[in-house]
């Protein structure tokens, strides 16, 4: 195995949460986990997720990079040339670049930005996602936003106290929240962040407050959620894994906040007494506690509260009912709605029926 292949093998398997799962080198297996298809990545196709440096001096308790990674790294020139070779061969269609922090944050951020600049200078015009590191300088964030399609910095958890329990070196307010505000200013509408669900034992109520604050203040394009998995050799090796369904529930809740107009206050009604979502779609939980929606009279906002009806379905209903009223389940099918979820939560009263709002 060449040194380039060794580096790809190790540096595409180093990040457990926002890089990729351990896998073989892409030259050996084109379907390896280090190449992923991201439907939200502007049509980039297969995206190479790779670290620039495979070691880290930070003390994140859930991360194995600082303890178990070989001291392998790419130079900006080397990684740019490696990626361009794979791209020209048609093996990859986009790049997600992050890094461990061996020593100085500024040096690593310079290398990340330089890699992007080399790629652009050599004619790469595809999807490029550059990770902003905790504590990054404003100038480096500006330059990353200039060359990349998307930039991101991970929240990891919900508050200074929660972060302090799993990553004592990072300052939540200065290293992360302050940088997140800069990221939002430099790349409005084209930045993301991520929460590792369960690593710091935060409740879903805490996550909800954090996520709602993010959408209010920094307006990320989206927020990603990873269920915590304990890794051998880390301080959290004996910590219970977070059930995978909890992250899935968070993606559903996030869609309600981001795309369906549901407020954080409304969504809190789906939490149990201890502040957690159960293993059930939050939209179904909210609908079960409310009356049925009259499909002929409900405003768009209320139609979006019905399980099985999304933004496109709601728009089709509004357009079709102007032509003639819905009279039964077959009309829902005519509107492109499939499954029984919507049918259980709607009525088909006439246009002279009084419709009460589901939510104040």
Protein backbone atom coordinates (compact mmCIF):
# COMPACT_ATOMS: atom_id res chain seq x y z
CA UNK A 1 0.00 0.00 0.00
CA UNK A 2 1.38 3.39 -0.97
CA UNK A 3 1.73 6.19 1.58
CA UNK A 4 -1.13 8.05 -0.13
CA UNK A 5 -3.36 5.00 0.25
CA UNK A 6 -2.32 4.58 3.90
CA UNK A 7 -3.28 8.16 4.61
CA UNK A 8 -6.63 7.81 2.89
CA UNK A 9 -7.30 4.62 4.80
CA UNK A 10 -6.60 6.21 8.19
CA UNK A 11 -7.74 9.77 7.66
CA UNK A 12 -11.12 8.83 6.23
CA UNK A 13 -11.82 6.62 9.25
CA UNK A 14 -10.76 8.90 12.07
CA UNK A 15 -13.90 10.88 12.78
CA UNK A 16 -16.67 8.95 14.50
CA UNK A 17 -19.34 11.61 14.44
CA UNK A 18 -18.91 14.11 11.63
CA UNK A 19 -16.41 12.44 9.35
CA UNK A 20 -17.32 8.81 8.66
CA UNK A 21 -17.33 5.32 10.04
CA UNK A 22 -14.15 3.24 9.78
CA UNK A 23 -13.71 1.82 6.32
CA UNK A 24 -11.26 0.73 3.71
CA UNK A 25 -9.44 2.95 1.28
CA UNK A 26 -11.62 4.10 -1.57
CA UNK A 27 -9.17 2.75 -4.12
CA UNK A 28 -9.81 -0.74 -2.79
CA UNK A 29 -13.59 -0.51 -2.39
CA UNK A 30 -15.57 2.16 -4.20
CA UNK A 31 -18.54 1.65 -1.85
CA UNK A 32 -16.42 2.13 1.27
CA UNK A 33 -17.90 4.21 4.11
CA UNK A 34 -15.44 7.02 3.40
CA UNK A 35 -17.44 7.85 0.27
CA UNK A 36 -20.99 8.90 0.98
CA UNK A 37 -23.84 10.17 -1.12
CA UNK A 38 -25.17 13.44 0.26
CA UNK A 39 -28.47 14.45 -1.33
CA UNK A 40 -28.20 17.90 0.28
CA UNK A 41 -24.74 18.62 -1.15
CA UNK A 42 -25.79 20.40 -4.30
CA UNK A 43 -25.73 17.27 -6.43
CA UNK A 44 -22.10 16.52 -5.71
CA UNK A 45 -22.68 12.77 -5.79
CA UNK A 46 -20.18 10.78 -3.77
CA UNK A 47 -18.45 12.91 -1.18
CA UNK A 48 -15.02 12.18 0.25
CA UNK A 49 -14.97 12.92 3.99
CA UNK A 50 -11.41 13.25 5.19
CA UNK A 51 -9.24 14.67 7.96
CA UNK A 52 -6.22 16.81 7.17
CA UNK A 53 -4.49 15.76 10.41
CA UNK A 54 -5.17 12.49 12.20
CA UNK A 55 -4.15 13.48 15.73
CA UNK A 56 -5.60 16.00 18.15
CA UNK A 57 -4.46 17.72 21.33
CA UNK A 58 -8.02 18.42 22.49
CA UNK A 59 -9.59 16.31 25.21
CA UNK A 60 -13.07 15.47 23.86
CA UNK A 61 -14.05 12.49 25.99
CA UNK A 62 -16.04 10.74 23.25
CA UNK A 63 -13.37 11.00 20.53
CA UNK A 64 -10.67 8.41 19.84
CA UNK A 65 -8.54 10.58 17.54
CA UNK A 66 -6.34 11.93 20.32
CA UNK A 67 -5.62 8.45 21.67
CA UNK A 68 -5.58 5.92 18.86
CA UNK A 69 -4.80 7.60 15.56
CA UNK A 70 -1.45 7.17 13.87
CA UNK A 71 0.40 10.41 13.32
CA UNK A 72 -0.50 10.70 9.68
CA UNK A 73 -1.47 13.91 7.95
CA UNK A 74 -1.78 15.48 4.53
CA UNK A 75 -0.20 18.74 3.49
CA UNK A 76 -2.61 21.06 1.65
CA UNK A 77 -0.79 20.43 -1.62
CA UNK A 78 -0.84 16.66 -1.11
CA UNK A 79 -4.51 16.43 -0.21
CA UNK A 80 -5.53 18.73 -3.06
CA UNK A 81 -3.60 16.62 -5.56
CA UNK A 82 -4.99 13.39 -4.11
CA UNK A 83 -8.57 14.61 -4.23
CA UNK A 84 -8.24 16.02 -7.75
CA UNK A 85 -6.92 12.67 -8.95
CA UNK A 86 -9.89 10.85 -7.47
CA UNK A 87 -12.30 13.47 -8.80
CA UNK A 88 -10.93 13.29 -12.34
CA UNK A 89 -11.24 9.49 -12.22
CA UNK A 90 -14.89 9.90 -11.30
CA UNK A 91 -14.48 8.20 -7.92
CA UNK A 92 -15.65 11.19 -5.87
CA UNK A 93 -17.89 14.16 -6.52
CA UNK A 94 -17.34 16.42 -3.53
CA UNK A 95 -15.08 17.04 -0.54
CA UNK A 96 -15.84 17.42 3.16
CA UNK A 97 -12.61 18.49 4.87
CA UNK A 98 -12.06 18.59 8.63
CA UNK A 99 -9.05 17.98 10.84
CA UNK A 100 -7.74 17.03 14.20
CA UNK A 101 -5.83 19.80 15.99
CA UNK A 102 -2.32 18.54 16.73
CA UNK A 103 -1.20 21.84 18.25
CA UNK A 104 -2.12 25.30 16.95
CA UNK A 105 -5.68 25.96 15.73
CA UNK A 106 -4.59 28.81 13.46
CA UNK A 107 -2.03 26.65 11.65
CA UNK A 108 -4.57 23.92 10.99
CA UNK A 109 -7.22 26.41 9.79
CA UNK A 110 -4.66 27.95 7.44
CA UNK A 111 -4.01 24.48 6.01
CA UNK A 112 -7.72 23.77 5.58
CA UNK A 113 -8.26 27.07 3.75
CA UNK A 114 -5.12 26.62 1.66
CA UNK A 115 -6.36 23.21 0.53
CA UNK A 116 -9.59 24.79 -0.67
CA UNK A 117 -7.75 27.59 -2.43
CA UNK A 118 -5.48 25.14 -4.27
CA UNK A 119 -8.49 23.15 -5.45
CA UNK A 120 -10.24 26.26 -6.78
CA UNK A 121 -7.07 27.52 -8.45
CA UNK A 122 -6.69 24.18 -10.24
CA UNK A 123 -10.16 24.25 -11.69
CA UNK A 124 -12.25 22.30 -9.18
CA UNK A 125 -15.68 23.91 -9.16
CA UNK A 126 -17.61 21.18 -7.34
CA UNK A 127 -18.99 20.91 -3.83
CA UNK A 128 -16.58 21.85 -1.05
CA UNK A 129 -17.45 21.78 2.66
CA UNK A 130 -14.80 23.12 5.04
CA UNK A 131 -15.00 22.56 8.77
CA UNK A 132 -14.36 25.55 11.04
CA UNK A 133 -12.45 24.51 14.15
CA UNK A 134 -13.21 25.71 17.69
CA UNK A 135 -11.29 28.92 18.38
CA UNK A 136 -10.67 29.69 14.69
CA UNK A 137 -9.67 33.25 13.79
CA UNK A 138 -12.25 35.48 12.10
CA UNK A 139 -9.96 35.96 9.08
CA UNK A 140 -9.72 32.21 8.52
CA UNK A 141 -13.50 31.83 8.76
CA UNK A 142 -13.85 34.62 6.19
CA UNK A 143 -11.44 32.88 3.83
CA UNK A 144 -13.09 29.48 4.31
CA UNK A 145 -16.46 31.02 3.43
CA UNK A 146 -14.93 32.59 0.35
CA UNK A 147 -13.71 29.33 -1.19
CA UNK A 148 -16.26 26.80 0.11
CA UNK A 149 -19.87 26.07 -0.78
CA UNK A 150 -20.60 25.32 2.85
CA UNK A 151 -18.82 25.79 6.18
CA UNK A 152 -19.73 24.49 9.63
CA UNK A 153 -18.69 24.40 13.25
CA UNK A 154 -20.09 21.75 15.59
CA UNK A 155 -21.95 22.71 18.75
CA UNK A 156 -21.46 19.14 20.07
CA UNK A 157 -23.81 19.78 23.00
CA UNK A 158 -26.15 22.35 24.51
CA UNK A 159 -24.40 24.53 27.09
CA UNK A 160 -21.10 25.44 28.75
CA UNK A 161 -21.74 23.06 31.63
CA UNK A 162 -22.59 20.15 29.35
CA UNK A 163 -19.53 20.76 27.16
CA UNK A 164 -17.32 21.05 30.24
CA UNK A 165 -18.29 17.51 31.23
CA UNK A 166 -17.04 16.02 27.94
CA UNK A 167 -14.46 18.50 26.56
CA UNK A 168 -12.75 20.60 29.21
CA UNK A 169 -10.33 22.38 26.88
CA UNK A 170 -13.02 24.04 24.76
CA UNK A 171 -14.78 27.20 25.90
CA UNK A 172 -18.39 26.88 24.77
CA UNK A 173 -19.15 30.59 24.61
CA UNK A 174 -15.86 31.78 23.12
CA UNK A 175 -14.59 28.85 21.04
CA UNK A 176 -17.94 27.67 19.69
CA UNK A 177 -20.87 30.10 20.05
CA UNK A 178 -18.80 33.15 19.15
CA UNK A 179 -17.34 31.36 16.14
CA UNK A 180 -20.79 30.10 15.16
CA UNK A 181 -21.97 33.71 15.00
CA UNK A 182 -19.01 34.57 12.77
CA UNK A 183 -19.72 31.56 10.55
CA UNK A 184 -23.33 32.75 10.15
CA UNK A 185 -22.22 36.25 9.21
CA UNK A 186 -19.65 35.03 6.69
CA UNK A 187 -21.82 32.36 5.04
CA UNK A 188 -25.48 33.25 5.71
CA UNK A 189 -27.82 30.41 4.80
CA UNK A 190 -24.95 28.10 3.81
CA UNK A 191 -23.63 26.91 7.15
CA UNK A 192 -24.52 23.96 9.36
CA UNK A 193 -23.80 22.58 12.80
CA UNK A 194 -24.13 19.30 14.68
CA UNK A 195 -25.12 17.95 18.10
CA UNK A 196 -23.89 14.63 19.51
CA UNK A 197 -27.06 13.43 21.23
CA UNK A 198 -26.56 11.88 24.66
CA UNK A 199 -22.82 12.25 25.12
CA UNK A 200 -23.24 14.87 27.86
CA UNK A 201 -26.50 13.42 29.26
CA UNK A 202 -28.49 16.42 28.11
CA UNK A 203 -32.28 16.13 27.92
CA UNK A 204 -34.28 16.68 24.75
CA UNK A 205 -35.73 19.75 26.43
CA UNK A 206 -32.20 21.19 26.61
CA UNK A 207 -31.50 20.27 23.00
CA UNK A 208 -34.78 21.88 21.92
CA UNK A 209 -33.88 25.16 23.63
CA UNK A 210 -30.43 25.08 22.02
CA UNK A 211 -31.72 24.25 18.53
CA UNK A 212 -34.47 26.88 18.69
CA UNK A 213 -31.87 29.46 19.74
CA UNK A 214 -29.67 28.48 16.79
CA UNK A 215 -32.47 28.94 14.28
CA UNK A 216 -33.41 32.24 15.87
CA UNK A 217 -29.91 33.73 16.07
CA UNK A 218 -27.69 32.14 13.40
CA UNK A 219 -30.19 30.52 10.98
CA UNK A 220 -28.16 27.46 9.92
CA UNK A 221 -29.17 25.69 6.71
CA UNK A 222 -29.71 22.65 8.90
CA UNK A 223 -28.60 20.95 12.09
CA UNK A 224 -27.29 17.38 12.17
CA UNK A 225 -27.78 14.95 15.03
CA UNK A 226 -25.56 11.97 15.87
CA UNK A 227 -26.46 9.36 18.46
CA UNK A 228 -23.54 8.94 20.88
CA UNK A 229 -21.61 5.68 20.55
CA UNK A 230 -19.03 4.74 23.15
CA UNK A 231 -15.54 4.05 21.78
CA UNK A 232 -12.98 1.79 23.48
CA UNK A 233 -10.09 3.64 25.08
CA UNK A 234 -11.96 6.91 25.62
CA UNK A 235 -13.12 8.37 28.97
CA UNK A 236 -16.71 7.65 27.90
CA UNK A 237 -16.04 4.05 26.93
CA UNK A 238 -18.44 2.79 29.62
CA UNK A 239 -21.09 5.42 28.99
CA UNK A 240 -24.33 3.89 27.64
CA UNK A 241 -24.89 4.31 23.91
CA UNK A 242 -27.68 6.62 22.83
CA UNK A 243 -30.45 4.67 21.06
CA UNK A 244 -30.38 5.33 17.34
CA UNK A 245 -34.08 6.16 17.37
CA UNK A 246 -33.41 9.21 19.55
CA UNK A 247 -31.35 10.85 16.80
CA UNK A 248 -34.06 9.93 14.28
CA UNK A 249 -36.69 11.60 16.46
CA UNK A 250 -34.51 14.68 16.51
CA UNK A 251 -34.34 14.81 12.74
CA UNK A 252 -38.15 14.63 12.71
CA UNK A 253 -38.44 17.35 15.34
CA UNK A 254 -35.92 19.49 13.47
CA UNK A 255 -38.00 19.25 10.29
CA UNK A 256 -41.03 20.48 12.23
CA UNK A 257 -39.08 23.49 13.47
CA UNK A 258 -37.30 24.27 10.22
CA UNK A 259 -39.78 23.38 7.49
CA UNK A 260 -43.22 23.07 9.05
CA UNK A 261 -43.51 26.25 11.10
CA UNK A 262 -43.94 24.44 14.43
CA UNK A 263 -42.64 26.56 17.29
CA UNK A 264 -40.43 25.33 20.11
CA UNK A 265 -43.25 26.00 22.55
CA UNK A 266 -45.59 23.77 20.55
CA UNK A 267 -42.98 21.04 20.26
CA UNK A 268 -42.41 20.95 24.01
CA UNK A 269 -45.86 19.37 24.29
CA UNK A 270 -44.38 16.21 22.73
CA UNK A 271 -41.84 15.79 25.58
CA UNK A 272 -42.50 13.57 28.56
CA UNK A 273 -42.28 14.71 32.18
CA UNK A 274 -38.53 14.11 32.26
CA UNK A 275 -37.95 16.21 29.16
CA UNK A 276 -37.42 13.50 26.54
CA UNK A 277 -39.09 12.44 23.30
CA UNK A 278 -40.46 8.94 23.28
CA UNK A 279 -39.83 6.54 20.44
CA UNK A 280 -42.63 7.96 18.31
CA UNK A 281 -42.72 10.61 15.61
CA UNK A 282 -43.22 13.96 17.44
CA UNK A 283 -45.65 15.03 14.75
CA UNK A 284 -47.87 12.05 15.56
CA UNK A 285 -47.66 12.83 19.27
CA UNK A 286 -48.80 16.40 18.70
CA UNK A 287 -51.59 15.34 16.36
CA UNK A 288 -52.87 12.73 18.82
CA UNK A 289 -53.45 15.43 21.44
CA UNK A 290 -55.41 17.66 19.06
CA UNK A 291 -58.67 17.33 17.18
CA UNK A 292 -58.93 16.28 13.52
CA UNK A 293 -58.25 18.86 10.81
CA UNK A 294 -60.91 19.74 8.26
CA UNK A 295 -59.04 19.28 5.01
CA UNK A 296 -61.42 21.63 3.19
CA UNK A 297 -61.10 24.53 5.61
CA UNK A 298 -57.78 24.30 7.43
CA UNK A 299 -55.12 26.91 6.69
CA UNK A 300 -51.75 25.70 5.44
CA UNK A 301 -50.29 25.98 8.92
CA UNK A 302 -52.78 23.45 10.30
CA UNK A 303 -52.48 21.11 7.32
CA UNK A 304 -48.76 20.86 8.02
CA UNK A 305 -49.58 19.55 11.53
CA UNK A 306 -51.19 16.45 10.01
CA UNK A 307 -48.95 13.34 9.88
CA UNK A 308 -48.34 12.43 6.26
CA UNK A 309 -48.82 15.96 4.93
CA UNK A 310 -45.68 17.92 4.10
CA UNK A 311 -45.21 21.34 2.50
CA UNK A 312 -45.77 20.08 -1.06
CA UNK A 313 -48.81 18.04 -0.04
CA UNK A 314 -50.31 21.00 1.79
CA UNK A 315 -49.83 23.20 -1.28
CA UNK A 316 -51.50 20.60 -3.50
CA UNK A 317 -54.48 20.38 -1.14
CA UNK A 318 -54.89 24.15 -1.12
CA UNK A 319 -54.80 24.28 -4.91
CA UNK A 320 -57.11 21.30 -5.48
CA UNK A 321 -59.78 22.25 -2.96
CA UNK A 322 -60.27 25.56 -4.77
CA UNK A 323 -61.54 23.50 -7.70
CA UNK A 324 -63.77 21.18 -5.68
CA UNK A 325 -63.95 20.05 -2.04
CA UNK A 326 -62.32 16.87 -0.76
CA UNK A 327 -64.92 14.23 0.05
CA UNK A 328 -62.89 11.23 1.22
CA UNK A 329 -59.60 9.27 1.29
CA UNK A 330 -59.55 8.88 -2.49
CA UNK A 331 -59.20 12.64 -2.82
CA UNK A 332 -56.15 12.50 -0.53
CA UNK A 333 -54.64 9.93 -2.89
CA UNK A 334 -55.48 12.23 -5.77
CA UNK A 335 -53.43 14.89 -4.00
CA UNK A 336 -50.48 12.49 -3.90
CA UNK A 337 -50.78 11.54 -0.22
CA UNK A 338 -49.97 7.92 0.50
CA UNK A 339 -50.48 5.87 3.64
CA UNK A 340 -53.08 5.97 6.37
CA UNK A 341 -51.54 8.56 8.70
CA UNK A 342 -53.20 11.60 7.12
CA UNK A 343 -56.57 9.89 6.77
CA UNK A 344 -56.77 9.23 10.50
CA UNK A 345 -56.28 12.89 11.35
CA UNK A 346 -58.53 14.74 8.91
CA UNK A 347 -62.23 15.27 8.32
CA UNK A 348 -64.02 16.19 5.10
CA UNK A 349 -66.69 18.61 6.29
CA UNK A 350 -68.30 21.07 3.89
CA UNK A 351 -67.06 24.56 3.32
CA UNK A 352 -69.73 26.00 5.58
CA UNK A 353 -68.40 24.04 8.57
CA UNK A 354 -66.66 26.05 11.27
CA UNK A 355 -62.96 25.11 11.51
CA UNK A 356 -61.19 25.58 14.83
CA UNK A 357 -57.43 26.03 14.83
CA UNK A 358 -55.31 23.21 16.13
CA UNK A 359 -52.88 25.56 17.81
CA UNK A 360 -53.30 29.07 19.15
